[in-house]
PDB file of N, CA and C in Angstrom:
ATOM      1  N   MET A   1      13.807  -3.919 -34.986  1.00  0.00           N
ATOM      2  CA  MET A   1      13.438  -2.545 -34.708  1.00  0.00           C
ATOM      3  C   MET A   1      11.934  -2.449 -34.440  1.00  0.00           C
ATOM      4  N   PHE A   2      11.161  -3.174 -35.237  1.00  0.00           N
ATOM      5  CA  PHE A   2       9.711  -3.145 -35.077  1.00  0.00           C
ATOM      6  C   PHE A   2       9.295  -3.697 -33.721  1.00  0.00           C
ATOM      7  N   VAL A   3       9.940  -4.788 -33.299  1.00  0.00           N
ATOM      8  CA  VAL A   3       9.606  -5.410 -32.016  1.00  0.00           C
ATOM      9  C   VAL A   3       9.918  -4.446 -30.869  1.00  0.00           C
ATOM     10  N   SER A   4      11.036  -3.735 -30.962  1.00  0.00           N
ATOM     11  CA  SER A   4      11.390  -2.762 -29.924  1.00  0.00           C
ATOM     12  C   SER A   4      10.363  -1.647 -29.848  1.00  0.00           C
ATOM     13  N   LEU A   5       9.900  -1.183 -30.984  1.00  0.00           N
ATOM     14  CA  LEU A   5       8.906  -0.116 -31.021  1.00  0.00           C
ATOM     15  C   LEU A   5       7.589  -0.578 -30.403  1.00  0.00           C
ATOM     16  N   VAL A   6       7.140  -1.759 -30.766  1.00  0.00           N
ATOM     17  CA  VAL A   6       5.888  -2.292 -30.229  1.00  0.00           C
ATOM     18  C   VAL A   6       6.013  -2.514 -28.720  1.00  0.00           C
ATOM     19  N   THR A   7       7.144  -3.045 -28.288  1.00  0.00           N
ATOM     20  CA  THR A   7       7.360  -3.278 -26.867  1.00  0.00           C
ATOM     21  C   THR A   7       7.342  -1.970 -26.085  1.00  0.00           C
ATOM     22  N   SER A   8       7.998  -0.958 -26.619  1.00  0.00           N
ATOM     23  CA  SER A   8       8.015   0.324 -25.915  1.00  0.00           C
ATOM     24  C   SER A   8       6.631   0.964 -25.885  1.00  0.00           C
ATOM     25  N   LEU A   9       5.853   0.821 -26.938  1.00  0.00           N
ATOM     26  CA  LEU A   9       4.492   1.367 -26.937  1.00  0.00           C
ATOM     27  C   LEU A   9       3.595   0.630 -25.950  1.00  0.00           C
ATOM     28  N   LEU A  10       3.730  -0.681 -25.888  1.00  0.00           N
ATOM     29  CA  LEU A  10       2.945  -1.452 -24.917  1.00  0.00           C
ATOM     30  C   LEU A  10       3.352  -1.106 -23.485  1.00  0.00           C
ATOM     31  N   THR A  11       4.637  -0.889 -23.267  1.00  0.00           N
ATOM     32  CA  THR A  11       5.103  -0.479 -21.941  1.00  0.00           C
ATOM     33  C   THR A  11       4.549   0.890 -21.577  1.00  0.00           C
ATOM     34  N   LEU A  12       4.583   1.814 -22.512  1.00  0.00           N
ATOM     35  CA  LEU A  12       4.027   3.145 -22.276  1.00  0.00           C
ATOM     36  C   LEU A  12       2.540   3.057 -21.953  1.00  0.00           C
ATOM     37  N   TYR A  13       1.807   2.232 -22.688  1.00  0.00           N
ATOM     38  CA  TYR A  13       0.375   2.063 -22.451  1.00  0.00           C
ATOM     39  C   TYR A  13       0.122   1.509 -21.042  1.00  0.00           C
ATOM     40  N   SER A  14       0.869   0.480 -20.658  1.00  0.00           N
ATOM     41  CA  SER A  14       0.634  -0.125 -19.342  1.00  0.00           C
ATOM     42  C   SER A  14       1.033   0.828 -18.222  1.00  0.00           C
ATOM     43  N   MET A  15       2.129   1.563 -18.391  1.00  0.00           N
ATOM     44  CA  MET A  15       2.530   2.521 -17.360  1.00  0.00           C
ATOM     45  C   MET A  15       1.510   3.656 -17.231  1.00  0.00           C
ATOM     46  N   THR A  16       0.917   4.064 -18.343  1.00  0.00           N
ATOM     47  CA  THR A  16      -0.121   5.095 -18.303  1.00  0.00           C
ATOM     48  C   THR A  16      -1.343   4.591 -17.540  1.00  0.00           C
ATOM     49  N   LYS A  17      -1.717   3.353 -17.777  1.00  0.00           N
ATOM     50  CA  LYS A  17      -2.851   2.779 -17.042  1.00  0.00           C
ATOM     51  C   LYS A  17      -2.554   2.705 -15.550  1.00  0.00           C
ATOM     52  N   ILE A  18      -1.349   2.297 -15.186  1.00  0.00           N
ATOM     53  CA  ILE A  18      -0.970   2.211 -13.776  1.00  0.00           C
ATOM     54  C   ILE A  18      -0.977   3.591 -13.149  1.00  0.00           C
ATOM     55  N   TRP A  19      -0.421   4.590 -13.851  1.00  0.00           N
ATOM     56  CA  TRP A  19      -0.390   5.964 -13.342  1.00  0.00           C
ATOM     57  C   TRP A  19      -1.814   6.482 -13.109  1.00  0.00           C
ATOM     58  N   ASN A  20      -2.691   6.262 -14.080  1.00  0.00           N
ATOM     59  CA  ASN A  20      -4.075   6.713 -13.944  1.00  0.00           C
ATOM     60  C   ASN A  20      -4.758   6.036 -12.760  1.00  0.00           C
ATOM     61  N   TYR A  21      -4.543   4.760 -12.608  1.00  0.00           N
ATOM     62  CA  TYR A  21      -5.167   4.024 -11.502  1.00  0.00           C
ATOM     63  C   TYR A  21      -4.644   4.511 -10.160  1.00  0.00           C
ATOM     64  N   ALA A  22      -3.342   4.774 -10.092  1.00  0.00           N
ATOM     65  CA  ALA A  22      -2.742   5.142  -8.811  1.00  0.00           C
ATOM     66  C   ALA A  22      -3.047   6.573  -8.392  1.00  0.00           C
ATOM     67  N   PHE A  23      -3.110   7.499  -9.353  1.00  0.00           N
ATOM     68  CA  PHE A  23      -3.171   8.907  -8.982  1.00  0.00           C
ATOM     69  C   PHE A  23      -4.441   9.639  -9.404  1.00  0.00           C
ATOM     70  N   TRP A  24      -5.166   9.170 -10.384  1.00  0.00           N
ATOM     71  CA  TRP A  24      -6.282   9.944 -10.902  1.00  0.00           C
ATOM     72  C   TRP A  24      -7.646   9.329 -10.642  1.00  0.00           C
ATOM     73  N   ARG A  25      -7.706   8.227  -9.938  1.00  0.00           N
ATOM     74  CA  ARG A  25      -9.020   7.642  -9.653  1.00  0.00           C
ATOM     75  C   ARG A  25      -9.587   8.254  -8.378  1.00  0.00           C
ATOM     76  N   ALA A  26     -10.848   8.009  -8.163  1.00  0.00           N
ATOM     77  CA  ALA A  26     -11.505   8.526  -6.956  1.00  0.00           C
ATOM     78  C   ALA A  26     -10.934   7.816  -5.730  1.00  0.00           C
ATOM     79  N   PRO A  27     -10.814   8.507  -4.610  1.00  0.00           N
ATOM     80  CA  PRO A  27     -10.287   7.869  -3.402  1.00  0.00           C
ATOM     81  C   PRO A  27     -11.165   6.691  -2.968  1.00  0.00           C
ATOM     82  N   ALA A  28     -10.516   5.656  -2.508  1.00  0.00           N
ATOM     83  CA  ALA A  28     -11.247   4.477  -2.049  1.00  0.00           C
ATOM     84  C   ALA A  28     -11.923   4.773  -0.717  1.00  0.00           C
ATOM     85  N   SER A  29     -13.001   4.066  -0.459  1.00  0.00           N
ATOM     86  CA  SER A  29     -13.677   4.238   0.826  1.00  0.00           C
ATOM     87  C   SER A  29     -12.785   3.694   1.936  1.00  0.00           C
ATOM     88  N   ALA A  30     -12.994   4.185   3.122  1.00  0.00           N
ATOM     89  CA  ALA A  30     -12.171   3.762   4.260  1.00  0.00           C
ATOM     90  C   ALA A  30     -12.427   2.290   4.562  1.00  0.00           C
ATOM     91  N   THR A  31     -11.345   1.543   4.717  1.00  0.00           N
ATOM     92  CA  THR A  31     -11.436   0.131   5.041  1.00  0.00           C
ATOM     93  C   THR A  31     -11.148  -0.043   6.522  1.00  0.00           C
ATOM     94  N   PRO A  32     -11.967  -0.789   7.230  1.00  0.00           N
ATOM     95  CA  PRO A  32     -11.706  -0.975   8.656  1.00  0.00           C
ATOM     96  C   PRO A  32     -10.360  -1.656   8.891  1.00  0.00           C
ATOM     97  N   ALA A  33      -9.649  -1.211   9.916  1.00  0.00           N
ATOM     98  CA  ALA A  33      -8.314  -1.734  10.209  1.00  0.00           C
ATOM     99  C   ALA A  33      -8.360  -3.203  10.617  1.00  0.00           C
ATOM    100  N   GLY A  34      -9.450  -3.661  11.182  1.00  0.00           N
ATOM    101  CA  GLY A  34      -9.554  -5.049  11.606  1.00  0.00           C
ATOM    102  C   GLY A  34      -9.438  -6.034  10.465  1.00  0.00           C
ATOM    103  N   ARG A  35      -9.727  -5.598   9.293  1.00  0.00           N
ATOM    104  CA  ARG A  35      -9.658  -6.474   8.131  1.00  0.00           C
ATOM    105  C   ARG A  35      -8.215  -6.881   7.833  1.00  0.00           C
ATOM    106  N   TYR A  36      -7.271  -6.025   8.168  1.00  0.00           N
ATOM    107  CA  TYR A  36      -5.872  -6.295   7.870  1.00  0.00           C
ATOM    108  C   TYR A  36      -5.100  -6.852   9.057  1.00  0.00           C
ATOM    109  N   ARG A  37      -5.726  -6.983  10.197  1.00  0.00           N
ATOM    110  CA  ARG A  37      -5.023  -7.483  11.379  1.00  0.00           C
ATOM    111  C   ARG A  37      -4.511  -8.907  11.174  1.00  0.00           C
ATOM    112  N   ALA A  38      -5.207  -9.700  10.424  1.00  0.00           N
ATOM    113  CA  ALA A  38      -4.772 -11.078  10.181  1.00  0.00           C
ATOM    114  C   ALA A  38      -3.486 -11.124   9.372  1.00  0.00           C
ATOM    115  N   LEU A  39      -3.187 -10.071   8.638  1.00  0.00           N
ATOM    116  CA  LEU A  39      -1.975 -10.041   7.830  1.00  0.00           C
ATOM    117  C   LEU A  39      -0.757  -9.567   8.618  1.00  0.00           C
ATOM    118  N   MET A  40      -0.970  -9.065   9.812  1.00  0.00           N
ATOM    119  CA  MET A  40       0.143  -8.526  10.589  1.00  0.00           C
ATOM    120  C   MET A  40       1.081  -9.626  11.092  1.00  0.00           C
ATOM    121  N   ALA A  41       0.561 -10.765  11.504  1.00  0.00           N
ATOM    122  CA  ALA A  41       1.403 -11.836  12.045  1.00  0.00           C
ATOM    123  C   ALA A  41       2.357 -12.399  10.983  1.00  0.00           C
ATOM    124  N   PRO A  42       1.878 -12.783   9.791  1.00  0.00           N
ATOM    125  CA  PRO A  42       2.827 -13.289   8.791  1.00  0.00           C
ATOM    126  C   PRO A  42       3.844 -12.228   8.375  1.00  0.00           C
ATOM    127  N   THR A  43       3.418 -10.975   8.312  1.00  0.00           N
ATOM    128  CA  THR A  43       4.339  -9.904   7.948  1.00  0.00           C
ATOM    129  C   THR A  43       5.400  -9.730   9.024  1.00  0.00           C
ATOM    130  N   ALA A  44       5.005  -9.799  10.280  1.00  0.00           N
ATOM    131  CA  ALA A  44       5.960  -9.671  11.384  1.00  0.00           C
ATOM    132  C   ALA A  44       6.966 -10.818  11.375  1.00  0.00           C
ATOM    133  N   VAL A  45       6.504 -12.024  11.062  1.00  0.00           N
ATOM    134  CA  VAL A  45       7.412 -13.174  10.990  1.00  0.00           C
ATOM    135  C   VAL A  45       8.432 -12.967   9.875  1.00  0.00           C
ATOM    136  N   LEU A  46       7.979 -12.494   8.710  1.00  0.00           N
ATOM    137  CA  LEU A  46       8.899 -12.259   7.600  1.00  0.00           C
ATOM    138  C   LEU A  46       9.895 -11.147   7.918  1.00  0.00           C
ATOM    139  N   VAL A  47       9.447 -10.098   8.585  1.00  0.00           N
ATOM    140  CA  VAL A  47      10.346  -9.011   8.974  1.00  0.00           C
ATOM    141  C   VAL A  47      11.389  -9.524   9.960  1.00  0.00           C
ATOM    142  N   ALA A  48      10.958 -10.299  10.958  1.00  0.00           N
ATOM    143  CA  ALA A  48      11.890 -10.844  11.942  1.00  0.00           C
ATOM    144  C   ALA A  48      12.903 -11.775  11.276  1.00  0.00           C
ATOM    145  N   PHE A  49      12.454 -12.592  10.351  1.00  0.00           N
ATOM    146  CA  PHE A  49      13.357 -13.506   9.654  1.00  0.00           C
ATOM    147  C   PHE A  49      14.353 -12.735   8.795  1.00  0.00           C
ATOM    148  N   THR A  50      13.912 -11.657   8.160  1.00  0.00           N
ATOM    149  CA  THR A  50      14.802 -10.835   7.349  1.00  0.00           C
ATOM    150  C   THR A  50      15.866 -10.184   8.216  1.00  0.00           C
ATOM    151  N   ILE A  51      15.470  -9.678   9.374  1.00  0.00           N
ATOM    152  CA  ILE A  51      16.443  -9.080  10.294  1.00  0.00           C
ATOM    153  C   ILE A  51      17.418 -10.143  10.789  1.00  0.00           C
ATOM    154  N   LEU A  52      16.922 -11.316  11.120  1.00  0.00           N
ATOM    155  CA  LEU A  52      17.782 -12.411  11.562  1.00  0.00           C
ATOM    156  C   LEU A  52      18.790 -12.777  10.481  1.00  0.00           C
ATOM    157  N   MET A  53      18.352 -12.836   9.235  1.00  0.00           N
ATOM    158  CA  MET A  53      19.264 -13.161   8.141  1.00  0.00           C
ATOM    159  C   MET A  53      20.325 -12.088   7.954  1.00  0.00           C
ATOM    160  N   GLY A  54      19.985 -10.849   8.246  1.00  0.00           N
ATOM    161  CA  GLY A  54      20.966  -9.781   8.136  1.00  0.00           C
ATOM    162  C   GLY A  54      21.962  -9.774   9.284  1.00  0.00           C
ATOM    163  N   VAL A  55      21.494 -10.076  10.487  1.00  0.00           N
ATOM    164  CA  VAL A  55      22.355 -10.038  11.663  1.00  0.00           C
ATOM    165  C   VAL A  55      23.231 -11.280  11.743  1.00  0.00           C
ATOM    166  N   ALA A  56      22.659 -12.437  11.517  1.00  0.00           N
ATOM    167  CA  ALA A  56      23.392 -13.706  11.604  1.00  0.00           C
ATOM    168  C   ALA A  56      23.428 -14.347  10.218  1.00  0.00           C
ATOM    169  N   ALA A  57      24.180 -13.744   9.320  1.00  0.00           N
ATOM    170  CA  ALA A  57      24.162 -14.181   7.923  1.00  0.00           C
ATOM    171  C   ALA A  57      24.994 -15.430   7.658  1.00  0.00           C
ATOM    172  N   GLN A  58      25.982 -15.716   8.490  1.00  0.00           N
ATOM    173  CA  GLN A  58      26.911 -16.806   8.190  1.00  0.00           C
ATOM    174  C   GLN A  58      26.233 -18.162   7.993  1.00  0.00           C
ATOM    175  N   PRO A  59      25.318 -18.611   8.862  1.00  0.00           N
ATOM    176  CA  PRO A  59      24.683 -19.915   8.608  1.00  0.00           C
ATOM    177  C   PRO A  59      23.896 -19.933   7.296  1.00  0.00           C
ATOM    178  N   PHE A  60      23.271 -18.816   6.962  1.00  0.00           N
ATOM    179  CA  PHE A  60      22.498 -18.767   5.723  1.00  0.00           C
ATOM    180  C   PHE A  60      23.414 -18.779   4.509  1.00  0.00           C
ATOM    181  N   LEU A  61      24.556 -18.109   4.610  1.00  0.00           N
ATOM    182  CA  LEU A  61      25.522 -18.136   3.514  1.00  0.00           C
ATOM    183  C   LEU A  61      26.103 -19.532   3.326  1.00  0.00           C
ATOM    184  N   ARG A  62      26.367 -20.222   4.432  1.00  0.00           N
ATOM    185  CA  ARG A  62      26.879 -21.588   4.346  1.00  0.00           C
ATOM    186  C   ARG A  62      25.839 -22.499   3.681  1.00  0.00           C
ATOM    187  N   LEU A  63      24.578 -22.348   4.079  1.00  0.00           N
ATOM    188  CA  LEU A  63      23.508 -23.137   3.489  1.00  0.00           C
ATOM    189  C   LEU A  63      23.378 -22.859   1.993  1.00  0.00           C
ATOM    190  N   ALA A  64      23.443 -21.585   1.612  1.00  0.00           N
ATOM    191  CA  ALA A  64      23.356 -21.223   0.197  1.00  0.00           C
ATOM    192  C   ALA A  64      24.550 -21.774  -0.584  1.00  0.00           C
ATOM    193  N   GLY A  65      25.731 -21.732   0.025  1.00  0.00           N
ATOM    194  CA  GLY A  65      26.920 -22.281  -0.640  1.00  0.00           C
ATOM    195  C   GLY A  65      26.813 -23.785  -0.835  1.00  0.00           C
ATOM    196  N   ASP A  66      26.307 -24.481   0.179  1.00  0.00           N
ATOM    197  CA  ASP A  66      26.108 -25.936   0.050  1.00  0.00           C
ATOM    198  C   ASP A  66      25.101 -26.254  -1.053  1.00  0.00           C
ATOM    199  N   ALA A  67      24.023 -25.478  -1.098  1.00  0.00           N
ATOM    200  CA  ALA A  67      23.007 -25.710  -2.130  1.00  0.00           C
ATOM    201  C   ALA A  67      23.580 -25.448  -3.516  1.00  0.00           C
ATOM    202  N   ALA A  68      24.366 -24.394  -3.659  1.00  0.00           N
ATOM    203  CA  ALA A  68      24.976 -24.088  -4.959  1.00  0.00           C
ATOM    204  C   ALA A  68      25.943 -25.185  -5.372  1.00  0.00           C
ATOM    205  N   ARG A  69      26.713 -25.690  -4.430  1.00  0.00           N
ATOM    206  CA  ARG A  69      27.653 -26.773  -4.732  1.00  0.00           C
ATOM    207  C   ARG A  69      26.899 -28.027  -5.174  1.00  0.00           C
ATOM    208  N   ASP A  70      25.776 -28.322  -4.530  1.00  0.00           N
ATOM    209  CA  ASP A  70      24.990 -29.499  -4.907  1.00  0.00           C
ATOM    210  C   ASP A  70      24.324 -29.330  -6.268  1.00  0.00           C
ATOM    211  N   VAL A  71      23.976 -28.110  -6.621  1.00  0.00           N
ATOM    212  CA  VAL A  71      23.385 -27.881  -7.935  1.00  0.00           C
ATOM    213  C   VAL A  71      24.428 -28.112  -9.026  1.00  0.00           C
ATOM    214  N   VAL A  72      25.651 -27.660  -8.764  1.00  0.00           N
ATOM    215  CA  VAL A  72      26.721 -27.820  -9.751  1.00  0.00           C
ATOM    216  C   VAL A  72      27.154 -29.279  -9.843  1.00  0.00           C
ATOM    217  N   ASN A  73      27.198 -29.982  -8.708  1.00  0.00           N
ATOM    218  CA  ASN A  73      27.619 -31.376  -8.691  1.00  0.00           C
ATOM    219  C   ASN A  73      26.577 -32.207  -7.946  1.00  0.00           C
ATOM    220  N   PRO A  74      25.560 -32.732  -8.635  1.00  0.00           N
ATOM    221  CA  PRO A  74      24.460 -33.436  -7.963  1.00  0.00           C
ATOM    222  C   PRO A  74      24.772 -34.892  -7.597  1.00  0.00           C
ATOM    223  N   ARG A  75      25.983 -35.339  -7.783  1.00  0.00           N
ATOM    224  CA  ARG A  75      26.322 -36.753  -7.547  1.00  0.00           C
ATOM    225  C   ARG A  75      26.024 -37.182  -6.109  1.00  0.00           C
ATOM    226  N   ALA A  76      26.403 -36.370  -5.120  1.00  0.00           N
ATOM    227  CA  ALA A  76      26.165 -36.734  -3.716  1.00  0.00           C
ATOM    228  C   ALA A  76      24.671 -36.868  -3.435  1.00  0.00           C
ATOM    229  N   TYR A  77      23.871 -35.999  -4.004  1.00  0.00           N
ATOM    230  CA  TYR A  77      22.413 -36.092  -3.822  1.00  0.00           C
ATOM    231  C   TYR A  77      21.882 -37.350  -4.482  1.00  0.00           C
ATOM    232  N   GLN A  78      22.340 -37.639  -5.683  1.00  0.00           N
ATOM    233  CA  GLN A  78      21.863 -38.822  -6.393  1.00  0.00           C
ATOM    234  C   GLN A  78      22.205 -40.105  -5.633  1.00  0.00           C
ATOM    235  N   ILE A  79      23.361 -40.136  -5.012  1.00  0.00           N
ATOM    236  CA  ILE A  79      23.741 -41.306  -4.204  1.00  0.00           C
ATOM    237  C   ILE A  79      22.865 -41.379  -2.960  1.00  0.00           C
ATOM    238  N   ALA A  80      22.618 -40.232  -2.308  1.00  0.00           N
ATOM    239  CA  ALA A  80      21.836 -40.206  -1.075  1.00  0.00           C
ATOM    240  C   ALA A  80      20.403 -40.678  -1.283  1.00  0.00           C
ATOM    241  N   VAL A  81      19.803 -40.369  -2.431  1.00  0.00           N
ATOM    242  CA  VAL A  81      18.413 -40.779  -2.660  1.00  0.00           C
ATOM    243  C   VAL A  81      18.327 -42.082  -3.443  1.00  0.00           C
ATOM    244  N   GLY A  82      19.455 -42.677  -3.768  1.00  0.00           N
ATOM    245  CA  GLY A  82      19.445 -43.985  -4.407  1.00  0.00           C
ATOM    246  C   GLY A  82      19.237 -43.973  -5.908  1.00  0.00           C
ATOM    247  N   LEU A  83      19.498 -42.864  -6.552  1.00  0.00           N
ATOM    248  CA  LEU A  83      19.345 -42.816  -8.010  1.00  0.00           C
ATOM    249  C   LEU A  83      20.500 -43.495  -8.729  1.00  0.00           C
ATOM    250  N   VAL A  84      21.665 -43.446  -8.129  1.00  0.00           N
ATOM    251  CA  VAL A  84      22.849 -44.103  -8.696  1.00  0.00           C
ATOM    252  C   VAL A  84      23.513 -44.896  -7.595  1.00  0.00           C
ATOM    253  N   PRO A  85      24.201 -45.975  -7.952  1.00  0.00           N
ATOM    254  CA  PRO A  85      24.905 -46.745  -6.927  1.00  0.00           C
ATOM    255  C   PRO A  85      26.123 -45.977  -6.438  1.00  0.00           C
ATOM    256  N   PRO A  86      26.504 -46.189  -5.170  1.00  0.00           N
ATOM    257  CA  PRO A  86      27.674 -45.482  -4.606  1.00  0.00           C
ATOM    258  C   PRO A  86      28.977 -45.876  -5.204  1.00  0.00           C
TER     259      PRO A  86
END
């Protein structure tokens, strides 16, 4: 019970700090847009990849299924890299 109380108080404290920082601080000075232009290319690549994964999901699902199967049964991987004899 004590741990739950302390955790909830610490959460309340941190959320209050975040709220104050987000809404009650002085407005930041204007930042030139050119400073963020370098971040547009990686963001665009991630957006395009996310859309691709949504539109053509089957290859990604197959890849995820293969990876999950290998995690559950690592024998084929161990043989492929030479950790165990075939």
